[in-house]
């Protein structure tokens, strides 16, 4: 297995593709902003950016044409929540940088140096149409888990699109365990750490002692200052309805907080509160059965009911192999389209569902002007699909990231081809170096 992983890495370290000036024509074009697909559409990418997309778009001279032959052409999928690049083999500690349970640091942890663009999950997810991902750490020894990043899944060594793009913290049962065993302790610890960071920002001498027993370390305080002033979104994992309400109330004490709720299994019960606070939500639609006491109100209609209430809803993959199978997001979004047709259930329209895995997660992390749609000025992340991308069996046929054509071949494909027609004698080489 180790040899296979090394050979897979060697295959990735090829000369990076150059950005292409391309025009994809004759497309069933999906902008990704919630608008309806455009028949016979064209998208033009120059210098790694989208310069035009829509019907009747003229193709500039000298630009390579790609005929989509009426197929769906969309922006790349933006994985709303992931650990891609932090994990290779879940059960092997040496390949797992999700969490740091024995460090004295917490909010100051930055996952960027730990991200591995050569890991096999990168290629697997790219082959599923995922071009960008919002990556968060799992945890630390303290309440805050650390700073996540927005990454691209291109086959090169420069994976980080935006470092320190978010701060992650778990409330509910997980947070209570970190804080001492109760939600009362959790909310108190959260407030005290933010207050300590605010005092530090006003007068660094107030936190002159940085020993192991300090409430927060200097790096933690620096990171939390950016949370308090709203320059770094705070992704909060929370599921129980009353916990969601209490998290939203924290904006009264820290009004600049840019909250993003992750999970929100019982969010539909307090959808009006979430909508009134203008807090976006990342949900996993298949969390439809209670796996704990804080998820007793689980339902597949959660996402649809939140959307109907006016909440900005992103669909993501978490609690479900969020490092390796982010491509499930298209299936999850497709399920919501199906739910909209079920009497008594709540789902989304096709246009809303696709936006929930493209422009809406980009907006949640404050990057809607850069990624997540085919509007002019956005990154040239484009996918041609063999069928409706929200149908279970659909796959990408061509894919670009920042205008660079990407391979859709994975280590699994190479292993399949190696053993497809076994013969006597030495096995063929699995990879070309």
Protein backbone atom coordinates (compact mmCIF):
# COMPACT_ATOMS: atom_id res chain seq x y z
CA UNK A 1 0.00 0.00 0.00
CA UNK A 2 2.80 2.42 0.89
CA UNK A 3 4.47 1.73 -2.48
CA UNK A 4 1.18 2.44 -4.26
CA UNK A 5 0.81 5.73 -2.43
CA UNK A 6 4.36 6.74 -3.29
CA UNK A 7 3.81 5.90 -6.93
CA UNK A 8 0.56 7.86 -6.89
CA UNK A 9 2.45 10.84 -5.48
CA UNK A 10 5.08 10.49 -8.18
CA UNK A 11 2.37 10.61 -10.82
CA UNK A 12 1.04 13.87 -9.38
CA UNK A 13 4.41 15.61 -9.38
CA UNK A 14 4.32 16.23 -13.10
CA UNK A 15 4.87 19.54 -14.82
CA UNK A 16 1.89 21.72 -13.83
CA UNK A 17 -0.54 22.47 -16.62
CA UNK A 18 -0.54 25.96 -18.07
CA UNK A 19 -3.63 28.13 -17.94
CA UNK A 20 -5.60 27.92 -21.17
CA UNK A 21 -7.67 30.51 -22.99
CA UNK A 22 -10.74 28.47 -23.80
CA UNK A 23 -14.32 28.91 -24.92
CA UNK A 24 -16.72 26.10 -24.09
CA UNK A 25 -19.63 26.36 -26.50
CA UNK A 26 -22.94 24.62 -27.15
CA UNK A 27 -23.41 24.03 -23.42
CA UNK A 28 -26.34 23.60 -21.12
CA UNK A 29 -24.70 26.31 -19.06
CA UNK A 30 -25.16 26.55 -15.29
CA UNK A 31 -23.85 29.82 -13.84
CA UNK A 32 -24.15 28.47 -10.29
CA UNK A 33 -25.80 31.54 -8.78
CA UNK A 34 -29.28 30.02 -8.53
CA UNK A 35 -30.36 31.00 -12.03
CA UNK A 36 -31.74 28.45 -14.49
CA UNK A 37 -29.48 26.60 -16.95
CA UNK A 38 -28.92 28.36 -20.28
CA UNK A 39 -29.39 26.26 -23.40
CA UNK A 40 -26.74 26.79 -26.06
CA UNK A 41 -24.58 28.79 -23.68
CA UNK A 42 -20.91 29.69 -23.90
CA UNK A 43 -18.31 30.35 -21.19
CA UNK A 44 -15.00 32.03 -22.01
CA UNK A 45 -11.98 31.68 -19.72
CA UNK A 46 -8.86 33.80 -20.26
CA UNK A 47 -5.84 34.11 -18.00
CA UNK A 48 -7.39 31.66 -15.55
CA UNK A 49 -10.53 33.77 -15.04
CA UNK A 50 -14.05 33.69 -16.42
CA UNK A 51 -14.49 36.70 -18.72
CA UNK A 52 -17.95 35.94 -20.10
CA UNK A 53 -20.71 33.36 -19.70
CA UNK A 54 -24.20 33.19 -21.10
CA UNK A 55 -26.18 33.01 -24.31
CA UNK A 56 -24.90 34.75 -27.45
CA UNK A 57 -21.38 35.20 -26.05
CA UNK A 58 -18.87 35.92 -28.83
CA UNK A 59 -15.75 33.76 -28.89
CA UNK A 60 -12.58 35.90 -29.15
CA UNK A 61 -10.13 35.15 -31.94
CA UNK A 62 -7.32 32.78 -31.05
CA UNK A 63 -9.19 31.15 -28.17
CA UNK A 64 -9.41 27.36 -28.16
CA UNK A 65 -12.96 26.10 -28.64
CA UNK A 66 -14.41 23.10 -26.81
CA UNK A 67 -17.80 21.87 -28.02
CA UNK A 68 -19.84 20.67 -25.03
CA UNK A 69 -22.33 19.00 -27.40
CA UNK A 70 -25.30 20.13 -25.33
CA UNK A 71 -23.98 18.69 -22.08
CA UNK A 72 -24.15 20.39 -18.69
CA UNK A 73 -21.30 22.84 -18.10
CA UNK A 74 -21.04 24.17 -14.54
CA UNK A 75 -18.69 25.86 -12.12
CA UNK A 76 -16.65 23.40 -10.09
CA UNK A 77 -18.24 22.07 -6.93
CA UNK A 78 -17.23 23.95 -3.76
CA UNK A 79 -17.11 21.47 -0.88
CA UNK A 80 -18.74 23.34 1.99
CA UNK A 81 -16.92 21.42 4.72
CA UNK A 82 -14.03 19.02 4.41
CA UNK A 83 -10.79 17.59 5.76
CA UNK A 84 -9.30 16.92 2.32
CA UNK A 85 -5.53 17.32 2.36
CA UNK A 86 -5.37 16.62 6.09
CA UNK A 87 -5.94 12.87 5.89
CA UNK A 88 -4.61 10.12 3.65
CA UNK A 89 -5.52 6.91 5.51
CA UNK A 90 -7.92 7.52 8.39
CA UNK A 91 -6.65 4.64 10.53
CA UNK A 92 -2.96 5.55 10.12
CA UNK A 93 -1.99 8.25 12.62
CA UNK A 94 1.05 9.34 10.63
CA UNK A 95 -1.15 10.37 7.69
CA UNK A 96 -3.76 12.18 9.77
CA UNK A 97 -3.43 15.89 10.59
CA UNK A 98 -7.09 16.54 11.33
CA UNK A 99 -6.62 17.34 15.02
CA UNK A 100 -3.99 18.18 17.61
CA UNK A 101 -5.30 16.79 20.90
CA UNK A 102 -2.06 17.24 22.85
CA UNK A 103 -0.99 20.76 21.89
CA UNK A 104 -1.25 23.77 24.21
CA UNK A 105 -2.45 25.90 21.26
CA UNK A 106 -6.01 26.09 19.97
CA UNK A 107 -7.41 29.00 17.96
CA UNK A 108 -3.94 29.89 16.70
CA UNK A 109 -3.44 26.56 14.94
CA UNK A 110 -3.25 27.01 11.16
CA UNK A 111 -3.86 23.96 8.99
CA UNK A 112 -2.19 25.39 5.88
CA UNK A 113 1.28 23.88 6.48
CA UNK A 114 -0.27 20.45 7.08
CA UNK A 115 -2.20 20.26 3.80
CA UNK A 116 -0.93 17.60 1.41
CA UNK A 117 -1.84 18.17 -2.27
CA UNK A 118 -0.23 14.81 -3.16
CA UNK A 119 -2.69 12.78 -1.09
CA UNK A 120 -4.88 10.40 -3.06
CA UNK A 121 -8.17 11.95 -1.78
CA UNK A 122 -7.37 15.12 -3.75
CA UNK A 123 -7.48 13.33 -7.10
CA UNK A 124 -10.51 11.24 -6.09
CA UNK A 125 -12.55 14.30 -5.19
CA UNK A 126 -11.37 16.23 -8.24
CA UNK A 127 -12.59 13.36 -10.44
CA UNK A 128 -16.02 13.86 -8.82
CA UNK A 129 -16.17 17.49 -9.97
CA UNK A 130 -14.93 19.16 -6.78
CA UNK A 131 -12.55 22.02 -7.59
CA UNK A 132 -12.46 23.95 -4.28
CA UNK A 133 -12.99 22.96 -0.67
CA UNK A 134 -13.47 24.69 2.65
CA UNK A 135 -11.19 22.71 4.96
CA UNK A 136 -11.49 22.86 8.76
CA UNK A 137 -9.50 21.19 11.55
CA UNK A 138 -11.25 18.65 13.76
CA UNK A 139 -10.10 19.75 17.18
CA UNK A 140 -7.36 20.62 19.64
CA UNK A 141 -6.83 20.19 23.35
CA UNK A 142 -8.94 23.29 23.95
CA UNK A 143 -12.31 24.60 22.82
CA UNK A 144 -11.27 26.19 19.54
CA UNK A 145 -9.97 23.82 16.87
CA UNK A 146 -7.99 26.33 14.84
CA UNK A 147 -7.92 28.11 11.51
CA UNK A 148 -9.14 26.44 8.35
CA UNK A 149 -8.41 27.27 4.72
CA UNK A 150 -9.98 27.38 1.30
CA UNK A 151 -8.07 25.10 -1.09
CA UNK A 152 -8.10 24.08 -4.72
CA UNK A 153 -7.81 20.49 -5.90
CA UNK A 154 -5.52 21.04 -8.87
CA UNK A 155 -2.73 18.58 -9.59
CA UNK A 156 0.09 20.84 -8.43
CA UNK A 157 1.86 21.65 -5.17
CA UNK A 158 0.17 25.00 -4.48
CA UNK A 159 -3.05 23.92 -2.81
CA UNK A 160 -3.98 26.89 -0.61
CA UNK A 161 -6.33 29.45 -2.14
CA UNK A 162 -6.89 31.36 1.09
CA UNK A 163 -5.15 30.52 4.38
CA UNK A 164 -6.73 31.35 7.74
CA UNK A 165 -10.10 31.63 6.01
CA UNK A 166 -12.14 30.53 9.04
CA UNK A 167 -12.00 29.63 12.70
CA UNK A 168 -13.69 26.41 13.79
CA UNK A 169 -15.29 25.57 17.13
CA UNK A 170 -17.63 22.79 18.23
CA UNK A 171 -20.52 23.54 20.59
CA UNK A 172 -23.08 21.02 21.80
CA UNK A 173 -21.93 17.72 23.28
CA UNK A 174 -18.40 17.85 21.83
CA UNK A 175 -17.78 21.37 23.06
CA UNK A 176 -19.23 20.63 26.47
CA UNK A 177 -16.79 17.75 26.90
CA UNK A 178 -13.87 20.08 26.08
CA UNK A 179 -15.09 22.77 28.46
CA UNK A 180 -15.54 20.59 31.52
CA UNK A 181 -18.70 18.61 31.00
CA UNK A 182 -21.63 20.98 30.58
CA UNK A 183 -23.01 23.58 28.21
CA UNK A 184 -22.84 26.15 31.02
CA UNK A 185 -19.08 25.64 31.17
CA UNK A 186 -18.87 25.71 27.38
CA UNK A 187 -20.52 29.11 26.94
CA UNK A 188 -18.53 30.56 29.84
CA UNK A 189 -15.21 29.33 28.41
CA UNK A 190 -16.11 30.65 24.97
CA UNK A 191 -16.92 34.12 26.33
CA UNK A 192 -13.87 34.24 28.58
CA UNK A 193 -11.51 33.36 25.73
CA UNK A 194 -13.02 35.98 23.43
CA UNK A 195 -12.91 38.57 26.23
CA UNK A 196 -9.27 37.69 26.90
CA UNK A 197 -8.48 38.17 23.22
CA UNK A 198 -10.32 41.51 23.19
CA UNK A 199 -8.35 42.69 26.22
CA UNK A 200 -5.16 41.60 24.50
CA UNK A 201 -6.07 43.60 21.38
CA UNK A 202 -6.60 46.73 23.47
CA UNK A 203 -3.49 46.23 25.57
CA UNK A 204 -1.10 43.36 24.80
CA UNK A 205 0.41 43.70 28.28
CA UNK A 206 -2.78 42.27 29.78
CA UNK A 207 -1.68 38.84 28.56
CA UNK A 208 1.99 39.09 29.33
CA UNK A 209 2.18 35.58 30.77
CA UNK A 210 2.08 32.84 28.12
CA UNK A 211 2.75 29.70 30.10
CA UNK A 212 1.07 26.37 29.55
CA UNK A 213 -1.56 27.22 32.15
CA UNK A 214 -2.63 30.47 30.46
CA UNK A 215 -6.23 30.57 29.24
CA UNK A 216 -5.00 31.26 25.72
CA UNK A 217 -1.61 31.59 24.08
CA UNK A 218 -0.41 34.61 22.12
CA UNK A 219 -1.08 32.90 18.77
CA UNK A 220 -4.59 32.02 19.98
CA UNK A 221 -5.28 35.60 21.01
CA UNK A 222 -4.09 36.93 17.64
CA UNK A 223 -6.43 34.52 15.84
CA UNK A 224 -9.42 35.31 18.07
CA UNK A 225 -8.98 39.05 17.60
CA UNK A 226 -9.69 38.48 13.91
CA UNK A 227 -12.83 36.55 14.90
CA UNK A 228 -14.05 39.31 17.20
CA UNK A 229 -13.60 42.05 14.59
CA UNK A 230 -15.33 39.95 11.92
CA UNK A 231 -12.39 39.57 9.56
CA UNK A 232 -12.41 35.77 10.06
CA UNK A 233 -15.73 33.87 9.87
CA UNK A 234 -16.46 31.64 12.87
CA UNK A 235 -17.73 28.21 11.82
CA UNK A 236 -19.67 26.75 14.75
CA UNK A 237 -20.65 23.09 14.84
CA UNK A 238 -23.99 23.03 16.60
CA UNK A 239 -27.07 20.80 16.24
CA UNK A 240 -29.62 21.25 19.05
CA UNK A 241 -32.22 23.96 18.45
CA UNK A 242 -31.72 25.74 21.78
CA UNK A 243 -27.94 25.65 21.33
CA UNK A 244 -28.38 27.30 17.94
CA UNK A 245 -30.44 30.09 19.51
CA UNK A 246 -27.87 30.62 22.26
CA UNK A 247 -25.02 30.74 19.74
CA UNK A 248 -26.87 33.40 17.75
CA UNK A 249 -27.35 35.42 20.94
CA UNK A 250 -23.56 35.70 21.22
CA UNK A 251 -23.74 38.28 18.44
CA UNK A 252 -25.31 40.58 21.02
CA UNK A 253 -22.06 40.53 23.03
CA UNK A 254 -19.76 40.37 20.01
CA UNK A 255 -21.71 42.14 17.25
CA UNK A 256 -19.03 41.85 14.56
CA UNK A 257 -18.98 38.04 14.72
CA UNK A 258 -19.52 36.44 11.30
CA UNK A 259 -21.18 33.21 12.36
CA UNK A 260 -21.63 30.20 10.09
CA UNK A 261 -23.56 27.26 11.56
CA UNK A 262 -22.28 23.80 10.68
CA UNK A 263 -24.64 20.83 11.04
CA UNK A 264 -27.68 22.63 12.47
CA UNK A 265 -29.61 19.34 12.52
CA UNK A 266 -32.52 20.92 14.39
CA UNK A 267 -32.15 24.24 12.55
CA UNK A 268 -35.60 23.98 10.98
CA UNK A 269 -37.14 24.33 14.45
CA UNK A 270 -35.58 27.79 14.83
CA UNK A 271 -35.32 28.76 11.16
CA UNK A 272 -36.87 32.19 11.73
CA UNK A 273 -34.25 33.05 14.34
CA UNK A 274 -31.44 31.98 11.99
CA UNK A 275 -32.90 33.93 9.07
CA UNK A 276 -33.44 37.05 11.18
CA UNK A 277 -29.81 36.97 12.30
CA UNK A 278 -28.67 36.49 8.66
CA UNK A 279 -26.49 33.55 9.64
CA UNK A 280 -25.63 31.07 6.86
CA UNK A 281 -25.88 27.34 7.51
CA UNK A 282 -23.97 24.32 6.21
CA UNK A 283 -26.07 21.17 6.37
CA UNK A 284 -25.72 17.51 5.53
CA UNK A 285 -29.16 16.50 4.19
CA UNK A 286 -28.72 12.82 4.97
CA UNK A 287 -28.53 13.57 8.70
CA UNK A 288 -32.14 12.49 8.94
CA UNK A 289 -32.08 10.17 11.97
CA UNK A 290 -31.07 11.10 15.53
CA UNK A 291 -27.64 9.72 16.34
CA UNK A 292 -27.53 11.63 19.65
CA UNK A 293 -29.82 13.50 22.01
CA UNK A 294 -28.93 16.81 20.38
CA UNK A 295 -30.26 15.53 17.03
CA UNK A 296 -33.71 14.33 18.09
CA UNK A 297 -35.33 16.67 15.58
CA UNK A 298 -33.40 15.31 12.58
CA UNK A 299 -35.27 15.32 9.27
CA UNK A 300 -34.40 15.25 5.57
CA UNK A 301 -36.57 18.34 5.19
CA UNK A 302 -34.20 20.43 7.31
CA UNK A 303 -32.41 22.06 4.36
CA UNK A 304 -35.62 22.78 2.47
CA UNK A 305 -37.36 24.29 5.47
CA UNK A 306 -34.35 26.48 6.27
CA UNK A 307 -34.22 27.66 2.65
CA UNK A 308 -37.95 28.39 2.65
CA UNK A 309 -37.45 30.54 5.76
CA UNK A 310 -34.85 32.65 3.98
CA UNK A 311 -31.67 31.07 5.33
CA UNK A 312 -28.59 30.83 3.09
CA UNK A 313 -28.10 27.04 2.97
CA UNK A 314 -24.99 25.22 1.76
CA UNK A 315 -24.98 21.46 1.30
CA UNK A 316 -21.85 19.66 2.42
CA UNK A 317 -20.41 16.34 3.49
CA UNK A 318 -19.52 15.93 7.14
CA UNK A 319 -19.91 13.08 9.59
CA UNK A 320 -19.69 11.05 6.36
CA UNK A 321 -16.07 10.63 5.20
CA UNK A 322 -15.50 14.35 4.66
CA UNK A 323 -11.91 13.87 3.46
CA UNK A 324 -12.46 11.27 0.75
CA UNK A 325 -16.02 11.57 -0.54
CA UNK A 326 -16.85 15.23 -0.96
CA UNK A 327 -18.34 14.30 -4.31
CA UNK A 328 -21.35 13.02 -2.37
CA UNK A 329 -22.44 16.66 -2.29
CA UNK A 330 -23.94 16.38 -5.79
CA UNK A 331 -25.99 13.38 -4.68
CA UNK A 332 -27.12 15.18 -1.53
CA UNK A 333 -28.17 18.22 -3.55
CA UNK A 334 -30.00 15.96 -5.99
CA UNK A 335 -31.86 14.33 -3.12
CA UNK A 336 -33.19 17.77 -2.16
CA UNK A 337 -34.57 18.19 -5.68
CA UNK A 338 -36.35 14.86 -5.30
CA UNK A 339 -37.69 15.80 -1.87
CA UNK A 340 -39.34 18.88 -3.32
CA UNK A 341 -41.63 16.50 -5.22
CA UNK A 342 -42.60 14.42 -2.17
CA UNK A 343 -45.91 15.43 -0.52
CA UNK A 344 -45.29 16.80 2.97
CA UNK A 345 -41.52 17.07 2.51
CA UNK A 346 -39.39 20.15 1.84
CA UNK A 347 -36.53 20.32 -0.64
CA UNK A 348 -35.12 22.73 -3.20
CA UNK A 349 -35.49 23.51 -6.86
CA UNK A 350 -32.71 22.26 -9.15
CA UNK A 351 -31.28 25.76 -9.47
CA UNK A 352 -31.25 26.31 -5.69
CA UNK A 353 -29.75 22.89 -5.08
CA UNK A 354 -26.84 23.43 -7.45
CA UNK A 355 -26.14 26.86 -5.97
CA UNK A 356 -26.01 25.20 -2.53
CA UNK A 357 -22.87 23.33 -3.63
CA UNK A 358 -21.24 26.15 -5.58
CA UNK A 359 -21.85 29.86 -4.98
CA UNK A 360 -23.57 29.59 -1.58
CA UNK A 361 -20.65 27.89 0.26
CA UNK A 362 -18.32 30.39 -1.44
CA UNK A 363 -20.45 33.18 0.00
CA UNK A 364 -20.41 31.60 3.47
CA UNK A 365 -16.62 31.92 3.57
CA UNK A 366 -16.64 35.40 2.04
CA UNK A 367 -15.26 34.37 -1.36
CA UNK A 368 -18.31 34.67 -3.62
CA UNK A 369 -16.43 37.28 -5.66
CA UNK A 370 -13.63 34.82 -6.44
CA UNK A 371 -15.01 31.28 -6.72
CA UNK A 372 -18.25 29.30 -6.90
CA UNK A 373 -19.88 30.60 -10.08
CA UNK A 374 -19.23 31.37 -13.73
CA UNK A 375 -19.78 35.07 -13.35
CA UNK A 376 -17.06 37.25 -14.93
CA UNK A 377 -13.99 37.69 -12.74
CA UNK A 378 -14.38 34.36 -10.93
CA UNK A 379 -11.76 31.63 -11.07
CA UNK A 380 -11.84 29.55 -14.23
CA UNK A 381 -13.10 26.40 -12.47
CA UNK A 382 -15.29 24.71 -15.08
CA UNK A 383 -16.69 21.18 -15.38
CA UNK A 384 -18.28 19.41 -18.35
CA UNK A 385 -20.55 16.56 -17.20
CA UNK A 386 -21.78 13.51 -19.06
CA UNK A 387 -25.29 14.04 -17.68
CA UNK A 388 -27.25 16.04 -15.10
CA UNK A 389 -24.63 16.66 -12.37
CA UNK A 390 -27.20 16.15 -9.61
CA UNK A 391 -28.02 12.65 -10.83
CA UNK A 392 -26.24 9.86 -8.98
CA UNK A 393 -24.45 8.27 -11.94
CA UNK A 394 -23.17 11.46 -13.60
CA UNK A 395 -19.44 12.07 -13.91
CA UNK A 396 -17.22 14.87 -15.23
CA UNK A 397 -15.74 14.37 -18.70
CA UNK A 398 -13.48 17.45 -18.63
CA UNK A 399 -12.46 19.79 -15.82
CA UNK A 400 -10.43 22.97 -15.46
CA UNK A 401 -9.15 24.72 -12.32
CA UNK A 402 -7.96 28.31 -12.74
CA UNK A 403 -8.20 27.70 -16.47
CA UNK A 404 -5.85 24.71 -16.34
CA UNK A 405 -7.04 21.37 -17.68
CA UNK A 406 -6.94 18.69 -14.99
CA UNK A 407 -6.54 14.94 -15.08
CA UNK A 408 -9.57 12.93 -13.98
CA UNK A 409 -7.49 9.77 -13.49
CA UNK A 410 -7.01 8.50 -9.94
CA UNK A 411 -4.85 5.89 -8.26
CA UNK A 412 -7.88 3.63 -8.19
CA UNK A 413 -8.19 3.92 -11.98
CA UNK A 414 -4.57 2.91 -12.44
CA UNK A 415 -4.92 -0.06 -10.15
CA UNK A 416 -8.09 -1.14 -11.96
CA UNK A 417 -6.32 -0.97 -15.30
CA UNK A 418 -3.35 -2.88 -13.95
CA UNK A 419 -5.41 -5.87 -12.89
CA UNK A 420 -8.17 -5.68 -15.49
CA UNK A 421 -6.69 -8.38 -17.74
CA UNK A 422 -4.34 -10.51 -15.61
CA UNK A 423 -1.76 -12.55 -17.52
CA UNK A 424 1.05 -14.94 -16.66
CA UNK A 425 4.40 -13.44 -15.82
CA UNK A 426 5.32 -10.09 -14.30
CA UNK A 427 2.51 -7.65 -13.66
CA UNK A 428 2.54 -4.45 -15.72
CA UNK A 429 3.74 -1.28 -14.03
CA UNK A 430 0.93 0.43 -12.21
CA UNK A 431 2.25 3.95 -12.83
CA UNK A 432 4.57 5.76 -15.19
CA UNK A 433 7.23 7.84 -13.56
